[in-house]
N, C-alpha and C. Protein backbone atom coordinates (compact mmCIF):
# COMPACT_ATOMS: atom_id res chain seq x y z
N MET A 1 9.11 -14.35 19.42
CA MET A 1 7.95 -14.05 18.56
C MET A 1 7.79 -15.22 17.54
N THR A 2 6.62 -15.79 17.51
CA THR A 2 6.49 -16.81 16.53
C THR A 2 5.31 -16.55 15.65
N PHE A 3 5.24 -17.07 14.51
CA PHE A 3 4.15 -16.97 13.36
C PHE A 3 3.97 -18.23 12.71
N PRO A 4 2.74 -18.45 12.34
CA PRO A 4 2.50 -19.67 11.36
C PRO A 4 3.26 -19.42 10.17
N ILE A 5 3.74 -20.59 9.59
CA ILE A 5 4.63 -20.50 8.49
C ILE A 5 4.19 -19.59 7.29
N ASP A 6 2.85 -19.99 6.83
CA ASP A 6 2.34 -19.10 5.72
C ASP A 6 2.27 -17.64 6.05
N THR A 7 1.74 -17.39 7.28
CA THR A 7 1.62 -16.01 7.65
C THR A 7 3.00 -15.33 7.70
N LEU A 8 3.98 -16.00 8.29
CA LEU A 8 5.26 -15.49 8.32
C LEU A 8 5.91 -15.18 6.95
N ARG A 9 5.75 -16.04 6.08
CA ARG A 9 6.25 -15.90 4.66
C ARG A 9 5.66 -14.68 4.02
N ARG A 10 4.21 -14.57 4.26
CA ARG A 10 3.64 -13.43 3.55
C ARG A 10 4.06 -12.21 4.24
N ALA A 11 4.18 -12.14 5.57
CA ALA A 11 4.64 -10.96 6.32
C ALA A 11 6.03 -10.56 5.85
N ILE A 12 6.91 -11.50 5.65
CA ILE A 12 8.31 -11.20 5.17
C ILE A 12 8.25 -10.56 3.78
N LEU A 13 7.47 -11.28 2.91
CA LEU A 13 7.42 -10.74 1.50
C LEU A 13 6.72 -9.36 1.44
N LEU A 14 5.62 -9.22 2.31
CA LEU A 14 4.94 -7.99 2.33
C LEU A 14 5.84 -6.86 2.72
N GLY A 15 6.71 -7.11 3.73
CA GLY A 15 7.65 -6.03 4.18
C GLY A 15 8.62 -5.77 3.05
N ALA A 16 9.09 -6.78 2.42
CA ALA A 16 10.06 -6.58 1.35
C ALA A 16 9.46 -5.77 0.16
N LEU A 17 8.17 -5.80 0.01
CA LEU A 17 7.51 -5.06 -1.10
C LEU A 17 7.77 -3.50 -1.02
N ALA A 18 8.11 -3.02 0.20
CA ALA A 18 8.43 -1.65 0.35
C ALA A 18 9.69 -1.23 -0.21
N LEU A 19 10.53 -2.27 -0.69
CA LEU A 19 11.90 -1.81 -1.17
C LEU A 19 12.17 -2.02 -2.52
N PHE A 20 13.20 -1.29 -2.95
CA PHE A 20 13.96 -1.55 -4.24
C PHE A 20 12.93 -1.45 -5.48
N ALA A 21 11.98 -0.49 -5.32
CA ALA A 21 11.13 -0.40 -6.47
C ALA A 21 11.54 0.59 -7.45
N LEU A 22 12.67 1.24 -7.32
CA LEU A 22 13.18 2.21 -8.33
C LEU A 22 14.73 1.85 -8.60
N PRO A 23 15.30 2.30 -9.65
CA PRO A 23 16.72 2.03 -9.89
C PRO A 23 17.51 2.53 -8.72
N ALA A 24 18.49 1.67 -8.28
CA ALA A 24 19.43 1.99 -7.18
C ALA A 24 20.49 3.01 -7.69
N LEU A 25 20.88 3.89 -6.81
CA LEU A 25 21.95 4.77 -7.10
C LEU A 25 23.08 4.24 -6.48
N ALA A 26 24.26 3.94 -7.12
CA ALA A 26 25.38 3.31 -6.59
C ALA A 26 26.04 4.04 -5.43
N GLN A 27 26.00 5.33 -5.45
CA GLN A 27 26.61 6.21 -4.45
C GLN A 27 25.65 6.43 -3.21
N GLU A 28 24.50 5.89 -3.31
CA GLU A 28 23.37 6.14 -2.20
C GLU A 28 23.70 5.07 -1.16
N ALA A 29 23.62 5.59 0.02
CA ALA A 29 23.77 4.59 1.22
C ALA A 29 22.63 3.60 1.27
N PRO A 30 22.79 2.44 1.78
CA PRO A 30 21.76 1.47 1.63
C PRO A 30 20.55 1.80 2.45
N ASP A 31 20.77 2.44 3.62
CA ASP A 31 19.67 2.84 4.46
C ASP A 31 18.84 3.99 3.83
N ALA A 32 19.55 4.90 3.21
CA ALA A 32 18.94 5.99 2.42
C ALA A 32 18.15 5.48 1.32
N LEU A 33 18.73 4.48 0.73
CA LEU A 33 17.93 3.81 -0.54
C LEU A 33 16.69 3.12 -0.07
N VAL A 34 16.77 2.45 1.06
CA VAL A 34 15.61 1.70 1.65
C VAL A 34 14.51 2.72 1.89
N LYS A 35 14.93 3.80 2.65
CA LYS A 35 13.82 4.73 2.99
C LYS A 35 13.32 5.51 1.80
N ARG A 36 14.15 5.91 0.86
CA ARG A 36 13.55 6.60 -0.20
C ARG A 36 12.66 5.82 -1.25
N VAL A 37 13.22 4.62 -1.53
CA VAL A 37 12.32 3.93 -2.39
C VAL A 37 11.09 3.22 -1.79
N SER A 38 11.15 3.02 -0.45
CA SER A 38 10.03 2.44 0.14
C SER A 38 8.94 3.45 0.26
N GLN A 39 9.23 4.73 0.54
CA GLN A 39 8.22 5.64 0.66
C GLN A 39 7.57 5.92 -0.68
N GLU A 40 8.39 5.93 -1.83
CA GLU A 40 7.77 6.07 -3.21
C GLU A 40 6.88 4.94 -3.58
N VAL A 41 7.43 3.73 -3.40
CA VAL A 41 6.59 2.62 -3.83
C VAL A 41 5.31 2.42 -2.90
N LEU A 42 5.37 2.68 -1.68
CA LEU A 42 4.16 2.67 -0.85
C LEU A 42 3.21 3.63 -1.35
N GLN A 43 3.53 4.72 -1.79
CA GLN A 43 2.62 5.78 -2.30
C GLN A 43 1.92 5.20 -3.49
N VAL A 44 2.70 4.45 -4.37
CA VAL A 44 2.09 3.89 -5.62
C VAL A 44 1.01 2.88 -5.11
N ILE A 45 1.39 1.98 -4.19
CA ILE A 45 0.48 0.91 -3.62
C ILE A 45 -0.78 1.53 -3.10
N LYS A 46 -0.60 2.64 -2.49
CA LYS A 46 -1.86 3.29 -1.83
C LYS A 46 -2.70 3.97 -2.87
N THR A 47 -2.28 4.36 -4.01
CA THR A 47 -2.91 5.21 -4.90
C THR A 47 -3.30 4.61 -6.27
N ASP A 48 -2.64 3.53 -6.60
CA ASP A 48 -2.83 2.80 -7.82
C ASP A 48 -4.24 2.05 -7.81
N PRO A 49 -5.24 2.45 -8.51
CA PRO A 49 -6.56 1.84 -8.40
C PRO A 49 -6.56 0.37 -8.88
N LYS A 50 -5.66 0.00 -9.78
CA LYS A 50 -5.58 -1.45 -10.24
C LYS A 50 -4.98 -2.31 -9.07
N VAL A 51 -3.95 -1.75 -8.38
CA VAL A 51 -3.40 -2.58 -7.35
C VAL A 51 -4.38 -2.67 -6.21
N GLN A 52 -5.00 -1.55 -5.88
CA GLN A 52 -6.11 -1.56 -4.76
C GLN A 52 -7.18 -2.53 -5.16
N ALA A 53 -7.48 -2.71 -6.41
CA ALA A 53 -8.57 -3.60 -6.73
C ALA A 53 -8.15 -5.09 -6.88
N GLY A 54 -6.78 -5.31 -6.65
CA GLY A 54 -6.24 -6.74 -6.76
C GLY A 54 -6.08 -7.19 -8.00
N ASP A 55 -5.87 -6.18 -9.09
CA ASP A 55 -5.40 -6.67 -10.38
C ASP A 55 -4.20 -7.36 -10.47
N GLN A 56 -4.21 -8.80 -10.62
CA GLN A 56 -2.96 -9.51 -10.48
C GLN A 56 -2.07 -9.25 -11.64
N ALA A 57 -2.57 -8.92 -12.74
CA ALA A 57 -1.58 -8.57 -13.89
C ALA A 57 -0.86 -7.44 -13.69
N ARG A 58 -1.58 -6.36 -13.22
CA ARG A 58 -0.88 -5.03 -12.85
C ARG A 58 0.07 -5.28 -11.64
N ILE A 59 -0.36 -5.98 -10.70
CA ILE A 59 0.51 -6.26 -9.64
C ILE A 59 1.81 -7.06 -9.98
N ARG A 60 1.70 -7.96 -10.74
CA ARG A 60 2.91 -8.72 -11.21
C ARG A 60 3.69 -7.81 -12.15
N GLU A 61 3.12 -7.09 -12.98
CA GLU A 61 3.90 -6.04 -13.82
C GLU A 61 4.74 -5.21 -12.85
N LEU A 62 4.14 -4.67 -11.80
CA LEU A 62 4.93 -3.78 -10.89
C LEU A 62 6.01 -4.54 -10.25
N ILE A 63 5.82 -5.69 -9.89
CA ILE A 63 6.92 -6.47 -9.17
C ILE A 63 7.94 -6.80 -10.16
N GLU A 64 7.63 -7.26 -11.36
CA GLU A 64 8.65 -7.72 -12.25
C GLU A 64 9.51 -6.54 -12.81
N THR A 65 8.92 -5.46 -13.03
CA THR A 65 9.74 -4.24 -13.59
C THR A 65 10.35 -3.40 -12.56
N LYS A 66 9.78 -3.47 -11.33
CA LYS A 66 10.40 -2.48 -10.32
C LYS A 66 11.11 -3.13 -9.14
N LEU A 67 10.94 -4.42 -8.91
CA LEU A 67 11.37 -5.14 -7.72
C LEU A 67 12.39 -6.21 -7.94
N VAL A 68 12.16 -7.03 -8.93
CA VAL A 68 12.93 -8.21 -9.11
C VAL A 68 14.43 -7.89 -9.27
N GLN A 69 14.70 -6.89 -10.16
CA GLN A 69 16.06 -6.63 -10.44
C GLN A 69 16.91 -6.29 -9.28
N HIS A 70 16.32 -5.98 -8.11
CA HIS A 70 17.15 -5.59 -6.91
C HIS A 70 17.13 -6.58 -5.95
N PHE A 71 16.98 -7.80 -6.34
CA PHE A 71 17.17 -9.05 -5.35
C PHE A 71 18.15 -10.00 -5.98
N ASP A 72 19.01 -10.54 -5.28
CA ASP A 72 20.09 -11.54 -5.68
C ASP A 72 19.53 -12.94 -5.41
N PHE A 73 18.66 -13.38 -6.55
CA PHE A 73 18.04 -14.66 -6.31
C PHE A 73 18.92 -15.84 -6.26
N SER A 74 20.12 -15.84 -6.85
CA SER A 74 20.93 -16.94 -6.78
C SER A 74 21.48 -17.07 -5.46
N ARG A 75 21.88 -16.03 -4.81
CA ARG A 75 22.33 -16.15 -3.46
C ARG A 75 21.09 -16.55 -2.49
N MET A 76 19.97 -15.88 -2.66
CA MET A 76 18.85 -16.31 -1.78
C MET A 76 18.56 -17.86 -1.85
N THR A 77 18.62 -18.39 -3.11
CA THR A 77 18.35 -19.90 -3.33
C THR A 77 19.46 -20.65 -2.69
N ALA A 78 20.72 -20.23 -2.89
CA ALA A 78 21.69 -21.02 -2.14
C ALA A 78 21.61 -21.06 -0.70
N LEU A 79 21.29 -19.88 -0.10
CA LEU A 79 21.05 -19.87 1.30
C LEU A 79 19.95 -20.68 1.72
N ALA A 80 18.86 -20.63 0.94
CA ALA A 80 17.70 -21.52 1.27
C ALA A 80 18.07 -23.02 1.31
N MET A 81 18.84 -23.37 0.28
CA MET A 81 19.24 -24.79 0.21
C MET A 81 20.30 -25.32 1.19
N GLY A 82 21.18 -24.26 1.66
CA GLY A 82 22.18 -24.72 2.59
C GLY A 82 23.20 -25.58 1.81
N ARG A 83 23.60 -26.66 2.57
CA ARG A 83 24.66 -27.62 1.98
C ARG A 83 24.17 -28.18 0.70
N ASN A 84 22.98 -28.30 0.43
CA ASN A 84 22.47 -29.04 -0.74
C ASN A 84 22.71 -28.20 -2.06
N TRP A 85 23.03 -26.98 -1.91
CA TRP A 85 23.32 -26.11 -3.07
C TRP A 85 24.52 -26.67 -3.76
N ALA A 86 25.55 -27.13 -3.04
CA ALA A 86 26.70 -27.67 -3.64
C ALA A 86 26.51 -28.98 -4.46
N LYS A 87 25.40 -29.71 -4.19
CA LYS A 87 25.08 -30.95 -4.78
C LYS A 87 24.50 -30.72 -6.13
N ALA A 88 23.93 -29.47 -6.38
CA ALA A 88 23.29 -29.26 -7.74
C ALA A 88 24.35 -28.75 -8.76
N THR A 89 24.00 -29.26 -9.98
CA THR A 89 24.88 -28.79 -11.07
C THR A 89 24.62 -27.32 -11.38
N PRO A 90 25.45 -26.76 -12.09
CA PRO A 90 25.13 -25.38 -12.53
C PRO A 90 23.81 -25.06 -13.28
N GLU A 91 23.45 -26.09 -14.10
CA GLU A 91 22.09 -26.05 -14.73
C GLU A 91 20.99 -26.17 -13.67
N GLN A 92 21.10 -27.05 -12.70
CA GLN A 92 20.15 -27.20 -11.75
C GLN A 92 20.06 -25.97 -10.87
N GLN A 93 21.18 -25.37 -10.54
CA GLN A 93 21.21 -24.09 -9.78
C GLN A 93 20.47 -23.04 -10.45
N LYS A 94 20.69 -22.91 -11.82
CA LYS A 94 20.02 -21.90 -12.56
C LYS A 94 18.51 -22.21 -12.49
N ARG A 95 18.00 -23.46 -12.83
CA ARG A 95 16.65 -23.78 -12.76
C ARG A 95 16.01 -23.48 -11.36
N LEU A 96 16.70 -23.78 -10.34
CA LEU A 96 16.25 -23.54 -8.86
C LEU A 96 16.01 -22.09 -8.64
N ALA A 97 17.03 -21.25 -9.08
CA ALA A 97 16.93 -19.86 -8.90
C ALA A 97 15.72 -19.26 -9.58
N GLU A 98 15.56 -19.74 -10.85
CA GLU A 98 14.39 -19.25 -11.64
C GLU A 98 13.14 -19.56 -10.99
N GLU A 99 12.98 -20.88 -10.52
CA GLU A 99 11.70 -21.32 -10.02
C GLU A 99 11.45 -20.64 -8.63
N PHE A 100 12.50 -20.46 -7.83
CA PHE A 100 12.36 -19.85 -6.48
C PHE A 100 11.93 -18.39 -6.79
N LYS A 101 12.52 -17.68 -7.74
CA LYS A 101 12.08 -16.27 -8.06
C LYS A 101 10.62 -16.29 -8.43
N SER A 102 10.12 -17.21 -9.29
CA SER A 102 8.81 -17.17 -9.59
C SER A 102 7.96 -17.47 -8.43
N LEU A 103 8.34 -18.28 -7.52
CA LEU A 103 7.59 -18.57 -6.36
C LEU A 103 7.38 -17.30 -5.45
N LEU A 104 8.46 -16.53 -5.37
CA LEU A 104 8.53 -15.35 -4.55
C LEU A 104 7.63 -14.27 -5.26
N VAL A 105 7.77 -14.11 -6.49
CA VAL A 105 7.00 -13.14 -7.22
C VAL A 105 5.48 -13.37 -7.03
N ARG A 106 5.09 -14.65 -7.15
CA ARG A 106 3.61 -14.99 -6.98
C ARG A 106 3.22 -14.73 -5.60
N THR A 107 4.11 -15.02 -4.68
CA THR A 107 3.66 -14.73 -3.21
C THR A 107 3.61 -13.28 -2.89
N TYR A 108 4.54 -12.52 -3.60
CA TYR A 108 4.62 -11.00 -3.39
C TYR A 108 3.11 -10.57 -4.03
N SER A 109 2.72 -11.12 -5.09
CA SER A 109 1.57 -10.67 -5.74
C SER A 109 0.36 -10.83 -4.77
N ASN A 110 0.31 -11.93 -4.18
CA ASN A 110 -0.82 -12.28 -3.25
C ASN A 110 -0.77 -11.32 -2.01
N ALA A 111 0.57 -11.07 -1.57
CA ALA A 111 0.63 -10.23 -0.25
C ALA A 111 0.34 -8.67 -0.57
N LEU A 112 0.64 -8.22 -1.74
CA LEU A 112 0.60 -6.84 -2.08
C LEU A 112 -0.81 -6.20 -1.80
N VAL A 113 -1.84 -6.92 -2.15
CA VAL A 113 -3.10 -6.41 -2.02
C VAL A 113 -3.55 -6.25 -0.66
N GLN A 114 -2.82 -6.98 0.30
CA GLN A 114 -3.09 -6.83 1.71
C GLN A 114 -2.59 -5.67 2.36
N TYR A 115 -1.64 -4.80 1.68
CA TYR A 115 -0.95 -3.71 2.26
C TYR A 115 -1.90 -2.51 2.18
N ARG A 116 -2.10 -1.81 3.33
CA ARG A 116 -2.97 -0.59 3.34
C ARG A 116 -2.12 0.50 3.98
N ASN A 117 -2.21 0.76 5.28
CA ASN A 117 -1.73 1.99 5.98
C ASN A 117 -0.76 1.71 6.99
N GLN A 118 -0.01 0.71 6.97
CA GLN A 118 1.04 0.47 7.99
C GLN A 118 2.12 1.53 7.77
N GLN A 119 2.64 1.95 8.88
CA GLN A 119 3.85 2.99 8.85
C GLN A 119 5.18 2.16 9.15
N ILE A 120 6.27 2.71 8.53
CA ILE A 120 7.52 2.18 8.78
C ILE A 120 8.53 3.10 9.47
N ASP A 121 9.09 2.58 10.49
CA ASP A 121 10.08 3.18 11.21
C ASP A 121 11.46 2.80 10.78
N TYR A 122 12.32 3.66 10.38
CA TYR A 122 13.62 3.27 9.79
C TYR A 122 14.67 3.54 10.83
N LYS A 123 15.48 2.59 11.17
CA LYS A 123 16.55 2.66 12.17
C LYS A 123 17.84 3.14 11.65
N PRO A 124 18.60 3.85 12.43
CA PRO A 124 19.95 4.30 11.93
C PRO A 124 20.83 3.10 11.51
N LEU A 125 21.53 3.24 10.42
CA LEU A 125 22.37 2.16 9.91
C LEU A 125 23.63 2.08 10.75
N ARG A 126 24.06 0.85 11.21
CA ARG A 126 25.27 0.72 12.03
C ARG A 126 26.23 -0.19 11.15
N ALA A 127 27.05 0.32 10.41
CA ALA A 127 27.97 -0.35 9.54
C ALA A 127 29.06 0.53 9.11
N ASP A 128 30.32 -0.10 8.83
CA ASP A 128 31.43 0.60 8.42
C ASP A 128 31.16 1.16 6.99
N ALA A 129 31.78 2.20 6.63
CA ALA A 129 31.58 2.88 5.33
C ALA A 129 32.04 2.00 4.24
N SER A 130 33.04 1.17 4.53
CA SER A 130 33.59 0.29 3.51
C SER A 130 32.84 -1.11 3.47
N ALA A 131 31.83 -1.35 4.30
CA ALA A 131 31.23 -2.53 4.21
C ALA A 131 30.55 -2.86 3.05
N THR A 132 30.49 -4.17 2.64
CA THR A 132 29.72 -4.57 1.37
C THR A 132 28.52 -5.36 1.70
N ASP A 133 28.46 -5.91 2.86
CA ASP A 133 27.26 -6.62 3.38
C ASP A 133 26.72 -5.86 4.58
N VAL A 134 25.53 -5.43 4.54
CA VAL A 134 25.02 -4.65 5.67
C VAL A 134 23.48 -5.15 6.00
N THR A 135 23.08 -4.75 7.17
CA THR A 135 21.59 -5.02 7.55
C THR A 135 21.00 -3.67 7.86
N VAL A 136 19.78 -3.50 7.16
CA VAL A 136 19.05 -2.34 7.41
C VAL A 136 17.87 -2.64 8.20
N LYS A 137 17.76 -2.17 9.38
CA LYS A 137 16.75 -2.41 10.30
C LYS A 137 15.52 -1.48 10.27
N THR A 138 14.32 -2.00 10.18
CA THR A 138 13.06 -1.14 10.25
C THR A 138 12.06 -1.93 11.19
N GLU A 139 10.97 -1.14 11.40
CA GLU A 139 9.86 -1.71 12.10
C GLU A 139 8.59 -1.36 11.47
N VAL A 140 7.62 -2.17 11.29
CA VAL A 140 6.32 -1.86 10.69
C VAL A 140 5.41 -1.51 11.91
N ILE A 141 4.88 -0.38 11.93
CA ILE A 141 4.04 0.08 13.06
C ILE A 141 2.60 -0.20 12.61
N ARG A 142 1.96 -1.03 13.49
CA ARG A 142 0.61 -1.44 13.28
C ARG A 142 -0.34 -0.86 14.40
N GLN A 143 -1.35 -0.22 14.03
CA GLN A 143 -2.20 0.35 15.04
C GLN A 143 -2.84 -0.70 15.98
N GLY A 144 -2.70 -0.47 17.32
CA GLY A 144 -3.21 -1.36 18.21
C GLY A 144 -2.48 -2.59 18.32
N GLN A 145 -1.29 -2.84 17.73
CA GLN A 145 -0.64 -4.08 17.84
C GLN A 145 0.82 -3.80 17.99
N PRO A 146 1.61 -4.72 18.56
CA PRO A 146 3.09 -4.46 18.63
C PRO A 146 3.79 -4.32 17.34
N PRO A 147 4.83 -3.49 17.27
CA PRO A 147 5.52 -3.34 15.98
C PRO A 147 6.10 -4.57 15.52
N VAL A 148 6.41 -4.79 14.19
CA VAL A 148 6.97 -5.96 13.76
C VAL A 148 8.41 -5.60 13.20
N PRO A 149 9.48 -6.12 13.78
CA PRO A 149 10.79 -5.71 13.25
C PRO A 149 11.12 -6.54 11.91
N ILE A 150 11.51 -5.80 10.97
CA ILE A 150 11.86 -6.41 9.62
C ILE A 150 13.31 -5.74 9.20
N ASP A 151 14.22 -6.71 9.14
CA ASP A 151 15.50 -6.44 8.81
C ASP A 151 15.80 -6.90 7.32
N TYR A 152 16.66 -6.06 6.61
CA TYR A 152 17.01 -6.41 5.27
C TYR A 152 18.45 -6.54 5.17
N SER A 153 18.81 -7.78 4.67
CA SER A 153 20.28 -8.03 4.35
C SER A 153 20.60 -7.69 2.96
N LEU A 154 21.61 -6.77 2.81
CA LEU A 154 21.91 -6.37 1.41
C LEU A 154 23.44 -6.48 1.24
N THR A 155 23.70 -6.73 -0.06
CA THR A 155 25.19 -6.87 -0.52
C THR A 155 25.46 -5.84 -1.64
N LYS A 156 26.64 -5.25 -1.66
CA LYS A 156 26.99 -4.38 -2.70
C LYS A 156 27.88 -5.02 -3.76
N GLY A 157 27.39 -4.90 -4.89
CA GLY A 157 28.20 -5.52 -6.06
C GLY A 157 28.31 -4.44 -7.25
N PRO A 158 28.67 -4.83 -8.38
CA PRO A 158 28.88 -3.99 -9.49
C PRO A 158 27.64 -3.25 -9.91
N GLU A 159 26.46 -3.79 -9.64
CA GLU A 159 25.30 -3.21 -10.05
C GLU A 159 24.67 -2.39 -8.89
N GLY A 160 25.33 -2.28 -7.71
CA GLY A 160 24.85 -1.58 -6.54
C GLY A 160 24.37 -2.53 -5.55
N TRP A 161 23.51 -1.94 -4.52
CA TRP A 161 22.97 -2.82 -3.53
C TRP A 161 21.92 -3.68 -4.04
N LYS A 162 22.01 -5.03 -3.43
CA LYS A 162 20.87 -5.94 -3.74
C LYS A 162 20.56 -6.69 -2.46
N ALA A 163 19.31 -7.04 -2.27
CA ALA A 163 18.85 -7.83 -1.07
C ALA A 163 19.07 -9.29 -1.39
N PHE A 164 19.48 -10.02 -0.21
CA PHE A 164 19.59 -11.41 -0.34
C PHE A 164 18.92 -12.15 0.80
N ASP A 165 18.27 -11.36 1.64
CA ASP A 165 17.40 -11.92 2.79
C ASP A 165 16.69 -10.93 3.40
N VAL A 166 15.53 -11.37 3.93
CA VAL A 166 14.61 -10.52 4.74
C VAL A 166 14.30 -11.18 5.94
N ILE A 167 14.43 -10.50 7.11
CA ILE A 167 14.15 -11.27 8.51
C ILE A 167 13.04 -10.51 9.19
N VAL A 168 12.09 -11.32 9.50
CA VAL A 168 10.87 -10.73 10.22
C VAL A 168 10.90 -11.38 11.59
N GLY A 169 10.92 -10.55 12.65
CA GLY A 169 10.79 -11.10 14.08
C GLY A 169 11.90 -12.07 14.32
N GLY A 170 13.12 -11.84 13.61
CA GLY A 170 14.21 -12.80 13.92
C GLY A 170 14.28 -14.01 13.10
N VAL A 171 13.25 -14.17 12.18
CA VAL A 171 13.19 -15.35 11.34
C VAL A 171 13.48 -14.92 9.91
N SER A 172 14.31 -15.66 9.30
CA SER A 172 14.86 -15.45 7.96
C SER A 172 13.96 -16.02 6.90
N LEU A 173 13.77 -15.27 5.82
CA LEU A 173 13.07 -15.73 4.62
C LEU A 173 13.70 -16.96 4.11
N VAL A 174 15.01 -16.86 3.87
CA VAL A 174 15.62 -17.95 3.08
C VAL A 174 15.63 -19.23 3.94
N THR A 175 16.10 -19.04 5.26
CA THR A 175 16.29 -20.27 6.08
C THR A 175 14.76 -20.75 6.51
N ASN A 176 13.74 -19.97 6.36
CA ASN A 176 12.39 -20.48 6.60
C ASN A 176 12.02 -21.55 5.59
N TYR A 177 12.63 -21.47 4.38
CA TYR A 177 12.36 -22.43 3.42
C TYR A 177 13.35 -23.66 3.49
N ARG A 178 14.33 -23.54 4.21
CA ARG A 178 15.38 -24.59 4.17
C ARG A 178 14.90 -25.99 4.57
N ASP A 179 14.11 -26.13 5.62
CA ASP A 179 13.63 -27.47 6.04
C ASP A 179 12.74 -28.06 4.96
N GLU A 180 11.94 -27.28 4.39
CA GLU A 180 11.14 -27.80 3.30
C GLU A 180 11.86 -28.20 2.07
N PHE A 181 12.91 -27.44 1.71
CA PHE A 181 13.80 -27.81 0.58
C PHE A 181 14.54 -29.11 0.86
N ASN A 182 15.09 -29.12 2.10
CA ASN A 182 15.90 -30.27 2.40
C ASN A 182 15.05 -31.54 2.43
N GLU A 183 13.85 -31.50 2.85
CA GLU A 183 12.91 -32.70 2.82
C GLU A 183 12.62 -33.19 1.37
N GLN A 184 12.41 -32.22 0.57
CA GLN A 184 12.05 -32.43 -0.90
C GLN A 184 13.27 -33.06 -1.58
N ILE A 185 14.39 -32.48 -1.27
CA ILE A 185 15.71 -33.11 -1.82
C ILE A 185 15.91 -34.53 -1.29
N ARG A 186 15.60 -34.77 0.01
CA ARG A 186 15.85 -36.01 0.64
C ARG A 186 14.90 -37.03 -0.07
N GLN A 187 13.76 -36.71 -0.47
CA GLN A 187 12.80 -37.54 -1.08
C GLN A 187 13.01 -37.79 -2.52
N GLY A 188 13.33 -36.62 -3.19
CA GLY A 188 13.49 -36.81 -4.66
C GLY A 188 14.71 -36.21 -5.30
N GLY A 189 15.72 -35.84 -4.53
CA GLY A 189 16.88 -35.31 -5.10
C GLY A 189 16.67 -33.87 -5.56
N VAL A 190 17.76 -33.27 -6.12
CA VAL A 190 17.66 -31.89 -6.50
C VAL A 190 16.55 -31.68 -7.66
N ASP A 191 16.50 -32.66 -8.54
CA ASP A 191 15.51 -32.59 -9.54
C ASP A 191 14.16 -32.62 -8.99
N GLY A 192 13.92 -33.38 -7.91
CA GLY A 192 12.69 -33.39 -7.23
C GLY A 192 12.28 -32.12 -6.78
N LEU A 193 13.25 -31.30 -6.15
CA LEU A 193 12.88 -29.98 -5.67
C LEU A 193 12.60 -29.10 -6.80
N VAL A 194 13.29 -29.18 -7.97
CA VAL A 194 13.05 -28.31 -9.12
C VAL A 194 11.65 -28.59 -9.58
N ASN A 195 11.28 -29.88 -9.75
CA ASN A 195 9.98 -30.26 -10.26
C ASN A 195 8.80 -29.84 -9.25
N SER A 196 9.09 -29.89 -8.01
CA SER A 196 8.12 -29.51 -6.96
C SER A 196 7.85 -27.96 -7.13
N LEU A 197 8.90 -27.18 -7.18
CA LEU A 197 8.77 -25.73 -7.31
C LEU A 197 8.09 -25.34 -8.62
N SER A 198 8.44 -26.07 -9.71
CA SER A 198 7.71 -25.85 -11.02
C SER A 198 6.34 -26.12 -10.90
N ALA A 199 5.91 -27.22 -10.31
CA ALA A 199 4.52 -27.63 -10.17
C ALA A 199 3.74 -26.56 -9.35
N ARG A 200 4.37 -26.08 -8.29
CA ARG A 200 3.76 -25.11 -7.38
C ARG A 200 3.50 -23.77 -8.08
N ASN A 201 4.51 -23.39 -9.00
CA ASN A 201 4.41 -22.25 -9.69
C ASN A 201 3.21 -22.24 -10.87
N LYS A 202 2.98 -23.45 -11.26
CA LYS A 202 1.97 -23.68 -12.30
C LYS A 202 0.65 -23.92 -11.69
N GLY A 203 0.61 -24.13 -10.31
CA GLY A 203 -0.65 -24.46 -9.69
C GLY A 203 -1.40 -23.38 -8.98
N GLY A 204 -1.88 -23.61 -7.72
CA GLY A 204 -2.64 -22.68 -7.06
C GLY A 204 -1.90 -21.50 -6.38
N ALA A 205 -2.41 -20.90 -5.31
CA ALA A 205 -1.84 -19.90 -4.69
C ALA A 205 -0.40 -20.16 -4.05
N ALA A 206 0.40 -19.33 -4.16
CA ALA A 206 1.78 -19.58 -3.71
C ALA A 206 1.77 -19.37 -2.15
N LYS A 207 2.69 -20.26 -1.41
CA LYS A 207 2.72 -20.07 -0.01
C LYS A 207 4.24 -20.13 0.38
């Protein structure tokens, strides 16, 4: 299954919007967490008039307060950069994670208004009870179209379960950015990537 890059990224982020909108319970299984919070946040998406109207301020508020805290952006950024992560200083790594988070939040905001009535099928979790890294598998059911598999990679830490990757149709969010990041680093170094992400976040629509 293949998708245009921009469409794929939006699909990945759109799927991820269904998750982690409420505080995690440390004792709650990751698949139960995914199912519970996704059903609750999707209800908000479908009924909030400001979200339905495309109010970007309201949408970003929703994402910043309900979603961001449940993603491990440092790990996501490290995975997206691959071997280049080790080339960055701690300060550069911090800047990169902040800019990558801003980019994803802006892309979430653009994708959120496109969500309407898709249904989600939750698959049984296959993982050891002691596992600290798991994959929660779901499918987005679309009327008249093939279902889209969306898998969520989560890790368990002191603050509970956090997501560090989202995979749509077998394609990873973080590795989907890797070629782009590597090319920008090749041309302008790590600072070049930082500046590129910063300029994109200050500019037009995120992709």
